[in-house]
């Protein structure tokens, strides 16, 4: 069995609440849990879209919930 099958990553929708650096951000999950979200190199071209209030899908390691990797931006609903 592969390691990822034994320990699947946890993904959830999160909201960015502030900037730490150009690739690390304060974030909050729907349940109120606060953590640091990191923008991976493959999404570096989307750095300007990571702004306070923007919503993203984040991926946590099953062993560490203190930080998460941003996976994709959630499309904003038309108002």
Protein backbone atom coordinates (compact mmCIF):
# COMPACT_ATOMS: atom_id res chain seq x y z
CA UNK A 1 0.00 0.00 0.00
CA UNK A 2 1.14 3.52 -0.64
CA UNK A 3 1.78 5.91 2.21
CA UNK A 4 -0.91 8.31 0.98
CA UNK A 5 -3.54 5.55 1.12
CA UNK A 6 -2.65 4.88 4.77
CA UNK A 7 -2.67 8.57 5.73
CA UNK A 8 -4.88 10.58 3.38
CA UNK A 9 -4.57 14.34 3.44
CA UNK A 10 -7.43 16.37 4.85
CA UNK A 11 -8.93 19.05 2.59
CA UNK A 12 -11.37 21.78 3.54
CA UNK A 13 -12.57 25.20 2.43
CA UNK A 14 -10.84 28.05 4.24
CA UNK A 15 -10.89 31.86 4.27
CA UNK A 16 -7.73 33.97 4.12
CA UNK A 17 -7.66 36.53 6.96
CA UNK A 18 -4.26 38.21 6.47
CA UNK A 19 -0.75 38.08 5.01
CA UNK A 20 2.39 36.86 6.77
CA UNK A 21 4.74 36.90 3.75
CA UNK A 22 4.36 36.77 -0.03
CA UNK A 23 3.56 33.03 0.20
CA UNK A 24 2.26 32.48 3.77
CA UNK A 25 -1.11 33.68 5.02
CA UNK A 26 -3.25 33.70 8.15
CA UNK A 27 -6.36 31.60 7.52
CA UNK A 28 -9.44 30.28 9.29
CA UNK A 29 -11.45 27.11 8.62
CA UNK A 30 -15.26 26.98 8.72
CA UNK A 31 -15.14 25.60 12.28
CA UNK A 32 -13.14 28.64 13.45
CA UNK A 33 -9.74 26.90 13.59
CA UNK A 34 -6.93 29.38 12.82
CA UNK A 35 -3.70 28.34 11.11
CA UNK A 36 -1.07 29.33 8.53
CA UNK A 37 -1.80 28.62 4.86
CA UNK A 38 1.11 28.33 2.43
CA UNK A 39 1.01 28.97 -1.31
CA UNK A 40 2.95 26.22 -3.14
CA UNK A 41 5.38 27.05 -5.94
CA UNK A 42 3.05 25.65 -8.64
CA UNK A 43 0.45 28.32 -7.72
CA UNK A 44 2.94 31.21 -7.47
CA UNK A 45 1.28 32.94 -10.44
CA UNK A 46 -1.92 33.26 -8.35
CA UNK A 47 -0.21 35.02 -5.41
CA UNK A 48 -2.01 38.31 -6.08
CA UNK A 49 -5.41 36.60 -5.79
CA UNK A 50 -4.67 35.42 -2.23
CA UNK A 51 -6.20 38.37 -0.39
CA UNK A 52 -8.02 38.74 2.93
CA UNK A 53 -11.54 37.42 2.47
CA UNK A 54 -10.71 35.13 -0.45
CA UNK A 55 -11.78 31.50 -0.14
CA UNK A 56 -9.54 28.54 -0.98
CA UNK A 57 -9.40 24.79 -0.71
CA UNK A 58 -6.55 23.89 1.66
CA UNK A 59 -4.86 20.54 2.22
CA UNK A 60 -3.59 19.53 5.67
CA UNK A 61 -1.18 16.74 6.50
CA UNK A 62 -2.94 14.09 8.63
CA UNK A 63 -0.22 14.60 11.25
CA UNK A 64 -0.05 18.41 11.51
CA UNK A 65 -2.96 20.83 11.50
CA UNK A 66 -0.89 23.94 12.29
CA UNK A 67 -0.39 24.72 8.60
CA UNK A 68 -1.98 23.82 5.28
CA UNK A 69 -1.11 24.05 1.60
CA UNK A 70 -3.42 26.02 -0.68
CA UNK A 71 -4.75 23.81 -3.48
CA UNK A 72 -7.19 25.91 -5.50
CA UNK A 73 -9.24 29.08 -5.26
CA UNK A 74 -12.97 28.71 -4.68
CA UNK A 75 -14.99 30.52 -7.35
CA UNK A 76 -16.94 33.43 -5.92
CA UNK A 77 -20.71 33.12 -6.19
CA UNK A 78 -22.50 35.75 -8.25
CA UNK A 79 -24.39 38.15 -6.03
